Protein backbone atom coordinates (compact mmCIF):
# COMPACT_ATOMS: atom_id res chain seq x y z
CA UNK A 1 -0.07 -0.06 -0.03
CA UNK A 2 1.75 3.22 -1.16
CA UNK A 3 1.24 6.70 -0.27
CA UNK A 4 2.22 10.10 -1.58
CA UNK A 5 3.65 10.63 -4.97
CA UNK A 6 4.11 6.83 -5.44
CA UNK A 7 0.71 6.05 -5.29
CA UNK A 8 -0.81 7.99 -8.11
CA UNK A 9 0.71 6.53 -11.19
CA UNK A 10 2.00 8.73 -14.07
CA UNK A 11 2.33 11.73 -11.89
CA UNK A 12 5.38 13.68 -11.46
CA UNK A 13 6.79 16.36 -8.99
CA UNK A 14 4.09 18.65 -10.18
CA UNK A 15 1.65 16.77 -7.71
CA UNK A 16 2.96 19.06 -5.03
CA UNK A 17 1.47 21.98 -6.72
CA UNK A 18 -1.59 20.04 -7.73
CA UNK A 19 -2.39 18.74 -4.17
CA UNK A 20 -1.52 21.95 -2.33
CA UNK A 21 -4.46 23.83 -4.26
CA UNK A 22 -6.74 21.01 -2.21
CA UNK A 23 -6.52 23.04 0.92
CA UNK A 24 -5.02 26.60 0.23
CA UNK A 25 -6.60 29.37 -2.14
CA UNK A 26 -6.14 29.01 -5.65
CA UNK A 27 -3.42 30.16 -7.76
CA UNK A 28 -5.58 32.85 -9.32
CA UNK A 29 -6.29 34.24 -6.14
CA UNK A 30 -2.81 33.95 -4.58
CA UNK A 31 -1.40 35.88 -7.72
CA UNK A 32 -4.02 38.81 -7.30
CA UNK A 33 -2.84 39.09 -3.33
CA UNK A 34 -0.20 41.69 -2.00
CA UNK A 35 2.21 41.12 0.39
CA UNK A 36 2.88 43.73 3.65
CA UNK A 37 2.57 43.26 7.37
CA UNK A 38 -0.11 41.23 8.76
CA UNK A 39 -1.43 42.26 12.00
CA UNK A 40 -3.19 39.25 14.12
CA UNK A 41 -4.92 39.98 17.39
CA UNK A 42 -5.01 36.73 19.66
CA UNK A 43 -7.01 36.13 22.79
CA UNK A 44 -3.95 34.36 24.86
CA UNK A 45 0.06 34.32 24.61
CA UNK A 46 1.57 31.04 23.49
CA UNK A 47 2.93 28.72 26.07
CA UNK A 48 5.99 28.03 24.17
CA UNK A 49 7.54 27.39 20.99
CA UNK A 50 7.30 23.41 21.12
CA UNK A 51 5.13 22.39 18.55
CA UNK A 52 4.92 18.92 20.22
CA UNK A 53 2.79 20.61 22.78
CA UNK A 54 -0.47 20.74 20.54
CA UNK A 55 -2.30 23.10 23.02
CA UNK A 56 -4.47 25.65 21.38
CA UNK A 57 -2.84 28.59 22.51
CA UNK A 58 0.13 27.20 20.62
CA UNK A 59 -1.88 27.09 17.04
CA UNK A 60 -1.04 30.95 16.14
CA UNK A 61 2.86 29.64 15.73
CA UNK A 62 2.91 25.83 14.95
CA UNK A 63 2.24 25.83 11.19
CA UNK A 64 3.85 29.44 10.60
CA UNK A 65 7.35 28.28 12.17
CA UNK A 66 7.26 24.57 11.49
CA UNK A 67 6.63 22.01 9.00
CA UNK A 68 4.91 18.37 9.46
CA UNK A 69 5.94 15.46 7.66
CA UNK A 70 2.67 15.23 5.95
CA UNK A 71 -0.56 17.39 5.84
CA UNK A 72 -4.43 16.76 5.51
CA UNK A 73 -6.82 18.34 3.18
CA UNK A 74 -9.94 19.86 4.93
CA UNK A 75 -11.64 16.73 4.26
CA UNK A 76 -8.92 14.58 5.56
CA UNK A 77 -6.82 13.31 2.49
CA UNK A 78 -3.35 12.80 3.02
CA UNK A 79 -0.94 14.95 1.00
CA UNK A 80 2.80 15.63 0.84
CA UNK A 81 4.64 17.99 3.01
CA UNK A 82 8.31 17.38 4.30
CA UNK A 83 7.78 13.64 3.41
CA UNK A 84 7.36 13.68 -0.52
CA UNK A 85 6.16 9.92 -0.41
CA UNK A 86 5.40 7.23 1.89
CA UNK A 87 5.00 3.69 1.48
CA UNK A 88 2.96 1.65 4.21
CA UNK A 89 4.30 -2.03 4.39
CA UNK A 90 1.90 -4.97 2.98
CA UNK A 91 1.93 -6.18 6.44
CA UNK A 92 0.76 -2.62 7.78
CA UNK A 93 3.80 -2.96 10.42
CA UNK A 94 6.18 -0.29 8.98
CA UNK A 95 5.90 2.89 6.74
CA UNK A 96 8.83 4.47 4.75
CA UNK A 97 9.25 7.94 4.42
CA UNK A 98 10.98 9.83 1.46
CA UNK A 99 12.08 13.42 2.49
CA UNK A 100 12.42 16.62 0.25
CA UNK A 101 15.76 17.34 -0.68
CA UNK A 102 15.36 20.96 -1.05
CA UNK A 103 14.33 21.84 2.71
CA UNK A 104 16.59 23.86 5.23
CA UNK A 105 15.96 25.02 8.95
CA UNK A 106 15.97 28.60 9.80
CA UNK A 107 19.25 27.90 11.01
CA UNK A 108 20.58 27.11 7.60
CA UNK A 109 21.20 23.20 8.38
CA UNK A 110 19.43 20.82 5.64
CA UNK A 111 16.46 18.49 6.69
CA UNK A 112 17.60 15.03 6.73
CA UNK A 113 16.47 11.57 7.99
CA UNK A 114 18.82 12.17 10.94
CA UNK A 115 16.87 15.24 11.95
CA UNK A 116 13.61 13.44 11.70
CA UNK A 117 15.18 10.45 14.06
CA UNK A 118 16.04 13.06 16.67
CA UNK A 119 12.49 14.41 16.57
CA UNK A 120 11.08 10.94 16.68
CA UNK A 121 13.04 10.58 19.97
CA UNK A 122 11.88 13.43 21.52
CA UNK A 123 8.16 12.55 20.48
CA UNK A 124 8.61 9.08 21.90
CA UNK A 125 9.97 10.57 25.05
CA UNK A 126 7.43 10.53 28.09
CA UNK A 127 8.94 13.49 29.68
CA UNK A 128 9.56 15.52 26.48
CA UNK A 129 7.17 14.01 23.69
CA UNK A 130 4.18 16.26 25.37
CA UNK A 131 0.89 15.73 23.23
CA UNK A 132 2.53 13.67 20.54
CA UNK A 133 3.68 11.03 22.87
CA UNK A 134 0.58 8.97 23.21
CA UNK A 135 0.15 8.99 19.39
CA UNK A 136 3.73 7.44 19.37
CA UNK A 137 2.39 4.54 21.29
CA UNK A 138 1.95 2.43 18.20
CA UNK A 139 5.77 3.16 17.07
CA UNK A 140 8.11 0.15 18.02
CA UNK A 141 11.40 1.83 16.79
CA UNK A 142 12.63 3.33 13.51
CA UNK A 143 15.52 2.98 11.05
CA UNK A 144 17.51 5.82 9.01
CA UNK A 145 17.72 4.23 5.93
CA UNK A 146 19.52 6.90 3.89
CA UNK A 147 19.97 10.68 4.41
CA UNK A 148 16.56 10.99 2.71
CA UNK A 149 14.71 7.95 3.71
CA UNK A 150 13.60 6.73 7.10
CA UNK A 151 11.22 3.80 8.22
CA UNK A 152 9.23 3.54 11.28
CA UNK A 153 8.56 0.01 12.58
CA UNK A 154 5.20 -0.56 14.42
CA UNK A 155 4.44 -2.79 17.46
CA UNK A 156 1.73 -4.33 15.50
CA UNK A 157 -0.21 -3.86 12.15
CA UNK A 158 -1.83 -0.42 12.23
CA UNK A 159 -4.66 1.03 10.22
CA UNK A 160 -3.64 3.37 7.59
CA UNK A 161 -5.69 6.39 8.98
CA UNK A 162 -3.87 5.83 12.23
CA UNK A 163 -0.38 5.98 10.53
CA UNK A 164 -1.36 9.40 8.29
CA UNK A 165 -2.88 10.82 11.84
CA UNK A 166 0.80 10.23 13.34
CA UNK A 167 2.91 11.64 10.22
CA UNK A 168 0.57 14.63 10.04
CA UNK A 169 0.87 15.52 14.16
CA UNK A 170 4.42 15.59 14.01
CA UNK A 171 6.17 18.78 13.31
CA UNK A 172 9.79 18.65 12.86
CA UNK A 173 12.12 20.73 14.96
CA UNK A 174 15.57 21.81 13.98
CA UNK A 175 17.84 19.52 16.00
CA UNK A 176 20.04 22.31 17.04
CA UNK A 177 17.18 23.88 19.31
CA UNK A 178 15.51 20.87 20.25
CA UNK A 179 16.34 20.91 23.87
CA UNK A 180 15.51 24.44 24.24
CA UNK A 181 12.65 24.68 22.05
CA UNK A 182 10.25 25.93 24.45
CA UNK A 183 11.87 29.16 24.56
CA UNK A 184 14.05 29.25 21.36
CA UNK A 185 12.15 28.30 18.06
CA UNK A 186 13.52 26.71 15.02
CA UNK A 187 11.76 24.63 12.26
CA UNK A 188 11.69 25.02 8.46
CA UNK A 189 8.31 26.97 8.30
CA UNK A 190 7.33 30.09 6.38
CA UNK A 191 8.44 32.40 8.94
CA UNK A 192 11.00 32.91 11.87
CA UNK A 193 10.64 34.11 14.90
CA UNK A 194 12.09 37.80 15.31
CA UNK A 195 10.61 39.13 18.52
CA UNK A 196 8.67 38.10 21.61
CA UNK A 197 7.40 40.07 24.44
CA UNK A 198 5.52 37.94 26.89
CA UNK A 199 2.17 38.55 27.31
CA UNK A 200 2.09 41.18 24.51
CA UNK A 201 3.30 40.20 21.11
CA UNK A 202 5.27 37.77 18.81
CA UNK A 203 6.65 38.85 15.69
CA UNK A 204 7.39 36.68 12.87
CA UNK A 205 9.15 37.53 9.67
CA UNK A 206 9.25 35.85 6.09
CA UNK A 207 11.78 32.88 5.83
CA UNK A 208 13.60 33.84 2.44
CA UNK A 209 14.55 30.36 1.82
CA UNK A 210 11.23 28.69 2.51
CA UNK A 211 11.02 25.67 0.02
CA UNK A 212 7.15 26.44 -1.16
CA UNK A 213 7.47 28.45 -4.11
CA UNK A 214 6.12 32.08 -3.96
CA UNK A 215 5.16 31.67 -0.06
CA UNK A 216 4.93 33.18 2.49
CA UNK A 217 3.19 36.33 0.60
CA UNK A 218 3.44 39.00 3.54
CA UNK A 219 7.06 39.68 4.97
CA UNK A 220 6.01 40.11 8.47
CA UNK A 221 3.31 38.74 10.84
CA UNK A 222 2.65 40.56 14.24
CA UNK A 223 0.62 38.26 16.86
CA UNK A 224 -0.80 40.80 19.30
CA UNK A 225 -2.17 39.42 22.68
CA UNK A 226 -5.65 41.25 23.60
CA UNK A 227 -7.21 40.88 27.07
CA UNK A 228 -10.58 39.82 25.98
CA UNK A 229 -12.86 39.73 23.05
CA UNK A 230 -14.31 42.94 23.14
CA UNK A 231 -10.88 44.63 23.13
CA UNK A 232 -9.64 42.41 20.07
CA UNK A 233 -12.98 43.00 17.89
CA UNK A 234 -12.35 46.68 18.61
CA UNK A 235 -9.23 46.34 17.48
CA UNK A 236 -10.39 44.84 14.15
CA UNK A 237 -13.21 47.53 13.83
CA UNK A 238 -10.88 50.30 13.98
CA UNK A 239 -8.25 48.82 11.55
CA UNK A 240 -5.81 48.44 14.04
CA UNK A 241 -5.59 44.47 13.24
CA UNK A 242 -6.49 42.76 10.08
CA UNK A 243 -7.46 39.41 11.79
CA UNK A 244 -8.75 38.19 15.13
CA UNK A 245 -7.87 34.71 15.64
CA UNK A 246 -9.62 32.26 18.21
CA UNK A 247 -11.96 34.44 19.41
CA UNK A 248 -15.23 33.36 20.90
CA UNK A 249 -18.37 32.64 18.67
CA UNK A 250 -20.62 35.45 19.75
CA UNK A 251 -18.08 38.06 19.15
CA UNK A 252 -17.48 36.44 15.63
CA UNK A 253 -20.89 36.47 14.89
CA UNK A 254 -21.40 39.94 15.68
CA UNK A 255 -18.36 41.09 13.70
CA UNK A 256 -19.70 38.91 10.74
CA UNK A 257 -23.09 40.65 11.03
CA UNK A 258 -20.96 44.13 10.79
CA UNK A 259 -19.54 43.31 7.30
CA UNK A 260 -16.49 41.40 8.22
CA UNK A 261 -15.39 37.95 6.90
CA UNK A 262 -15.77 34.78 9.24
CA UNK A 263 -14.22 31.75 8.63
CA UNK A 264 -14.77 28.44 10.02
CA UNK A 265 -12.30 25.68 9.51
CA UNK A 266 -12.86 21.79 9.63
CA UNK A 267 -11.34 20.99 12.87
CA UNK A 268 -13.70 21.86 15.44
CA UNK A 269 -13.63 20.78 19.02
CA UNK A 270 -16.46 18.90 20.95
CA UNK A 271 -17.45 20.17 24.45
CA UNK A 272 -17.62 17.45 26.73
CA UNK A 273 -19.03 17.37 30.32
CA UNK A 274 -16.27 15.56 31.76
CA UNK A 275 -17.19 13.50 34.99
CA UNK A 276 -14.66 11.95 37.58
CA UNK A 277 -16.16 8.54 37.68
CA UNK A 278 -14.08 7.93 40.96
CA UNK A 279 -15.87 10.70 43.05
CA UNK A 280 -19.55 11.26 45.02
CA UNK A 281 -22.44 10.01 43.08
CA UNK A 282 -20.52 9.79 39.63
CA UNK A 283 -19.26 6.42 40.88
CA UNK A 284 -22.88 5.11 40.16
CA UNK A 285 -23.16 4.28 36.50
CA UNK A 286 -26.95 4.79 36.45
CA UNK A 287 -26.48 8.46 37.75
CA UNK A 288 -23.69 9.15 35.42
CA UNK A 289 -25.82 7.86 32.32
CA UNK A 290 -28.66 10.18 33.46
CA UNK A 291 -26.55 13.19 32.18
CA UNK A 292 -26.71 11.94 28.74
CA UNK A 293 -30.44 13.12 28.53
CA UNK A 294 -29.81 15.97 31.37
CA UNK A 295 -27.84 17.93 28.65
CA UNK A 296 -29.94 20.75 26.84
CA UNK A 297 -27.52 20.75 24.07
CA UNK A 298 -29.54 22.99 21.71
CA UNK A 299 -29.52 25.72 24.56
CA UNK A 300 -25.72 25.18 25.31
CA UNK A 301 -24.77 25.77 21.65
CA UNK A 302 -26.97 28.96 21.48
CA UNK A 303 -26.18 30.34 24.58
CA UNK A 304 -22.40 29.27 24.76
CA UNK A 305 -21.47 29.81 21.05
CA UNK A 306 -24.05 31.87 19.24
CA UNK A 307 -25.32 28.62 17.31
CA UNK A 308 -21.85 28.27 15.58
CA UNK A 309 -21.48 24.31 15.73
CA UNK A 310 -23.67 21.13 15.85
CA UNK A 311 -25.33 19.31 18.77
CA UNK A 312 -23.66 16.08 19.23
CA UNK A 313 -24.15 13.19 21.88
CA UNK A 314 -20.85 11.62 20.82
CA UNK A 315 -17.30 12.98 20.72
CA UNK A 316 -16.92 13.12 16.89
CA UNK A 317 -17.20 15.54 13.92
CA UNK A 318 -18.90 14.38 10.97
CA UNK A 319 -15.55 13.62 9.13
CA UNK A 320 -14.65 11.08 11.67
CA UNK A 321 -15.43 7.76 10.47
CA UNK A 322 -17.08 6.45 13.74
CA UNK A 323 -19.43 9.55 13.66
CA UNK A 324 -23.30 8.34 14.03
CA UNK A 325 -25.84 11.16 13.71
CA UNK A 326 -28.63 8.67 15.13
CA UNK A 327 -27.20 8.96 18.72
CA UNK A 328 -28.54 12.63 18.81
CA UNK A 329 -31.74 11.42 18.67
CA UNK A 330 -31.46 8.45 20.88
CA UNK A 331 -29.64 10.31 23.36
CA UNK A 332 -31.54 13.69 23.31
CA UNK A 333 -32.53 15.83 26.05
CA UNK A 334 -35.36 14.47 27.80
CA UNK A 335 -35.84 14.95 31.47
CA UNK A 336 -38.23 12.21 31.72
CA UNK A 337 -35.90 9.40 30.87
CA UNK A 338 -33.09 11.34 32.85
CA UNK A 339 -35.54 10.97 35.77
CA UNK A 340 -35.92 7.15 35.33
CA UNK A 341 -31.99 6.66 35.25
CA UNK A 342 -31.68 8.64 38.57
CA UNK A 343 -34.15 6.56 40.26
CA UNK A 344 -32.77 3.49 38.79
CA UNK A 345 -29.40 4.66 40.38
CA UNK A 346 -30.77 4.23 43.97
CA UNK A 347 -28.92 7.29 45.23
CA UNK A 348 -30.74 9.50 47.79
CA UNK A 349 -31.54 13.10 47.17
CA UNK A 350 -28.77 14.14 49.59
CA UNK A 351 -26.01 11.78 47.55
CA UNK A 352 -27.41 13.33 44.40
CA UNK A 353 -26.42 16.76 45.22
CA UNK A 354 -23.40 16.05 47.30
CA UNK A 355 -20.93 17.67 44.77
CA UNK A 356 -19.87 20.70 42.89
CA UNK A 357 -19.35 21.64 39.20
CA UNK A 358 -16.12 22.90 38.45
CA UNK A 359 -15.96 26.00 36.18
CA UNK A 360 -13.52 28.00 34.26
CA UNK A 361 -14.26 31.41 35.74
CA UNK A 362 -12.04 33.13 33.19
CA UNK A 363 -14.29 31.91 30.27
CA UNK A 364 -17.62 33.61 29.77
CA UNK A 365 -18.96 30.47 27.41
CA UNK A 366 -17.98 28.08 30.17
CA UNK A 367 -19.87 29.96 32.82
CA UNK A 368 -22.99 30.22 30.57
CA UNK A 369 -23.18 26.87 29.49
CA UNK A 370 -22.45 25.58 33.20
CA UNK A 371 -25.48 27.86 34.56
CA UNK A 372 -27.77 25.91 31.95
CA UNK A 373 -26.80 22.73 33.36
CA UNK A 374 -27.14 24.00 37.09
CA UNK A 375 -30.70 25.12 36.23
CA UNK A 376 -31.65 22.10 34.47
CA UNK A 377 -30.36 19.97 37.20
CA UNK A 378 -32.54 21.88 39.52
CA UNK A 379 -35.55 21.02 37.31
CA UNK A 380 -35.07 17.29 38.56
CA UNK A 381 -34.50 18.33 42.13
CA UNK A 382 -30.69 18.26 42.35
CA UNK A 383 -29.64 21.57 43.76
CA UNK A 384 -25.72 22.17 43.18
CA UNK A 385 -23.32 25.02 43.59
CA UNK A 386 -20.85 26.08 40.79
CA UNK A 387 -17.04 26.36 41.81
CA UNK A 388 -15.38 29.03 39.93
CA UNK A 389 -11.72 28.82 39.59
CA UNK A 390 -9.53 30.76 37.10
CA UNK A 391 -5.95 30.61 35.53
CA UNK A 392 -3.66 28.16 36.42
CA UNK A 393 -5.72 27.12 39.30
CA UNK A 394 -8.76 25.85 36.98
CA UNK A 395 -5.90 24.17 34.58
CA UNK A 396 -4.44 22.25 37.52
CA UNK A 397 -7.76 21.05 38.74
CA UNK A 398 -9.08 20.14 35.19
CA UNK A 399 -5.75 18.17 34.17
CA UNK A 400 -5.28 16.40 37.68
CA UNK A 401 -8.86 15.34 38.42
CA UNK A 402 -9.50 17.74 41.17
CA UNK A 403 -13.14 18.17 40.07
CA UNK A 404 -16.42 15.85 40.27
CA UNK A 405 -17.95 17.11 36.94
CA UNK A 406 -16.70 20.17 34.42
CA UNK A 407 -16.99 21.41 30.88
CA UNK A 408 -13.92 20.92 28.64
CA UNK A 409 -13.20 20.75 25.24
CA UNK A 410 -11.68 17.75 23.47
CA UNK A 411 -10.00 17.76 20.18
CA UNK A 412 -8.74 15.31 17.34
CA UNK A 413 -12.17 14.23 16.71
CA UNK A 414 -12.00 14.46 12.98
CA UNK A 415 -9.25 12.11 12.78
CA UNK A 416 -9.02 8.31 13.56
CA UNK A 417 -11.13 7.44 16.39
CA UNK A 418 -8.34 6.18 19.09
CA UNK A 419 -6.97 9.62 18.57
CA UNK A 420 -9.81 10.50 21.16
CA UNK A 421 -7.14 9.08 23.62
CA UNK A 422 -4.99 11.64 23.36
CA UNK A 423 -7.49 13.98 25.41
CA UNK A 424 -6.66 13.45 29.23
CA UNK A 425 -10.37 12.28 30.33
CA UNK A 426 -10.32 9.61 27.25
CA UNK A 427 -6.75 8.26 28.05
CA UNK A 428 -6.75 4.65 28.25
CA UNK A 429 -3.63 4.37 30.24
CA UNK A 430 -2.02 6.84 32.98
CA UNK A 431 -5.24 8.79 32.88
CA UNK A 432 -4.59 11.79 35.21
CA UNK A 433 -8.45 11.85 36.10
CA UNK A 434 -9.51 8.56 36.51
CA UNK A 435 -6.19 6.76 37.70
CA UNK A 436 -4.40 3.98 36.95
CA UNK A 437 -5.68 1.03 35.89
CA UNK A 438 -8.84 2.70 33.86
CA UNK A 439 -11.83 1.78 35.84
CA UNK A 440 -13.72 1.73 32.56
CA UNK A 441 -12.46 -1.64 31.15
CA UNK A 442 -15.11 -1.98 28.59
CA UNK A 443 -14.05 1.52 27.21
CA UNK A 444 -10.37 0.48 27.19
CA UNK A 445 -11.29 -3.14 25.36
CA UNK A 446 -13.50 -0.83 22.93
CA UNK A 447 -10.40 1.48 21.90
CA UNK A 448 -8.21 -1.82 21.75
CA UNK A 449 -10.66 -3.34 19.33
CA UNK A 450 -10.69 -0.18 16.94
CA UNK A 451 -7.09 -0.09 17.21
CA UNK A 452 -6.89 -3.62 15.67
CA UNK A 453 -9.57 -3.50 12.97
CA UNK A 454 -8.70 -2.81 9.40
CA UNK A 455 -10.26 -2.17 6.08
CA UNK A 456 -13.97 -0.52 5.44
CA UNK A 457 -15.60 -4.00 5.92
CA UNK A 458 -18.42 -4.90 8.63
CA UNK A 459 -15.83 -5.81 11.16
CA UNK A 460 -14.56 -2.01 11.47
CA UNK A 461 -18.08 -0.60 11.44
CA UNK A 462 -18.97 -3.11 14.44
CA UNK A 463 -15.92 -1.77 16.01
CA UNK A 464 -16.75 1.90 15.58
CA UNK A 465 -20.53 1.17 16.77
CA UNK A 466 -19.51 -0.98 19.82
CA UNK A 467 -17.08 2.12 20.95
CA UNK A 468 -20.17 4.58 20.43
CA UNK A 469 -22.20 2.37 22.56
CA UNK A 470 -19.62 1.90 25.39
CA UNK A 471 -19.03 5.75 25.26
CA UNK A 472 -22.69 6.64 26.38
CA UNK A 473 -22.80 3.53 28.50
CA UNK A 474 -20.03 4.26 30.76
CA UNK A 475 -20.94 8.09 30.44
CA UNK A 476 -17.60 9.40 31.84
CA UNK A 477 -17.59 12.12 29.18
CA UNK A 478 -20.96 13.35 27.89
CA UNK A 479 -20.63 15.07 24.70
CA UNK A 480 -23.03 18.34 24.11
CA UNK A 481 -21.85 20.30 21.11
CA UNK A 482 -19.11 21.09 18.57
CA UNK A 483 -17.45 24.72 18.54
CA UNK A 484 -14.79 26.13 16.37
CA UNK A 485 -11.60 26.78 18.15
CA UNK A 486 -9.53 29.27 15.97
CA UNK A 487 -12.15 31.02 14.39
CA UNK A 488 -10.66 33.64 11.76
CA UNK A 489 -12.72 37.21 11.68
CA UNK A 490 -10.60 39.13 8.88
CA UNK A 491 -11.15 42.61 7.24
CA UNK A 492 -12.56 42.99 3.77
CA UNK A 493 -9.10 43.63 2.25
CA UNK A 494 -7.87 40.13 3.50
CA UNK A 495 -7.45 37.10 1.34
CA UNK A 496 -5.78 33.68 0.99
CA UNK A 497 -7.32 32.26 4.18
CA UNK A 498 -6.31 28.59 4.54
CA UNK A 499 -8.70 26.20 6.23
CA UNK A 500 -6.46 24.04 8.30
CA UNK A 501 -7.43 20.34 9.41
CA UNK A 502 -6.97 21.26 13.03
CA UNK A 503 -8.23 25.14 12.65
CA UNK A 504 -4.60 26.34 13.07
CA UNK A 505 -3.43 29.54 11.70
CA UNK A 506 -1.57 29.20 8.43
CA UNK A 507 -0.28 32.83 7.36
CA UNK A 508 2.16 31.67 4.36
CA UNK A 509 -0.89 31.96 2.02
CA UNK A 510 -2.59 35.21 3.46
CA UNK A 511 -2.25 38.56 1.63
CA UNK A 512 -4.19 41.51 0.76
CA UNK A 513 -6.70 42.49 -2.08
């Protein structure tokens, strides 16, 4: 099974241009755009320059400073990037990558297989791999075949989509800065980091030796951090910035209605009511299952996100092969079904209300949707308090399980279904909320079954159906709606917006009309 250039018989190197047109603006549009300085408003500063820390706050820099091994089109088709071709072995136990020969890092060194090997070593290190570490779990080892060829060997046969997800996930860091990448950026991307003023701005300048022809269009990108949506919106309206990236849905809709451009990418998050099933009444499965019907998903989407998104009872985007719209009807908001499950739980009224809901007090949307749930629970006789925490205190509670229940977005929901396990609440091993071993053995088994199922046949569908069934039965995470992270609101004269599969900011194609 062959991927990349070698999969398409009779095509030559010009394929790179043809495939690129699938996910960036057309050549005609690009030729009509002008360069200059692109001014972008952000709502939060980046955490660091490490692209393997796939946190949403790092999205403004990942695709601008670094390149990944392969890319996806908005509909999830794998296309070349740093790897010009890749071949999956007939037994699906390895993939061999052919690297481009014309790529240099910002420091001047050439990209080669040894550089990729250094990156793989970092990704496979539990202390350094950050968000990529879990995805590297399928890799046994790797072999540098020659300067332009590297082979990744897997522990067992791996589905094709899972392989391409891994390759798309890995951005390549210049080995000379890999040990200090959190504070010193170095990649092969369209821009280099010229300046960072902590909490205020990041200035990127065009890479003159960038390997993609005629990119980037602009000579400079200035990322300015604003304190809130209102301040960022005012800057766009006054002409002080050209783009607001990562703002909230309500502000985006208002700006769109005022005449600005609004772009929604193919990589939303799913808002999930995360349940710590090791605490209080949530130890009871029937009590947890009641929350499948206690979520007024339509109200949550409307109030929290101005209707930008879709209601969903499962943690998948429509592009995910496990997506099943029928669950939205079967597990719809229904207080009578919720009451029946609460009764089946056998818990007393006092036990049912013996918990608080953790809320990100610094996020207006989270506060609003938490209040909706609080009001719904009151209708079935469960009066609870909201435990508002902000900043680092909230993040610590969220990621270490110091909560009974809380809302939190999950990503990678448009890719191979088991990529769900990269999110903390859904990890099958070393789960920071549920502990080790994972108490939901049926869920762990369902994930393992999907990982071992190949092809488009009935067995694969059965594995996906089983995972969906287990998710709603175990009910330690109750999905409510999709919502856009990385919304782009742009001035009228901005063109060339790329829709990235992960909704990251891609500035290399942007210019001015």
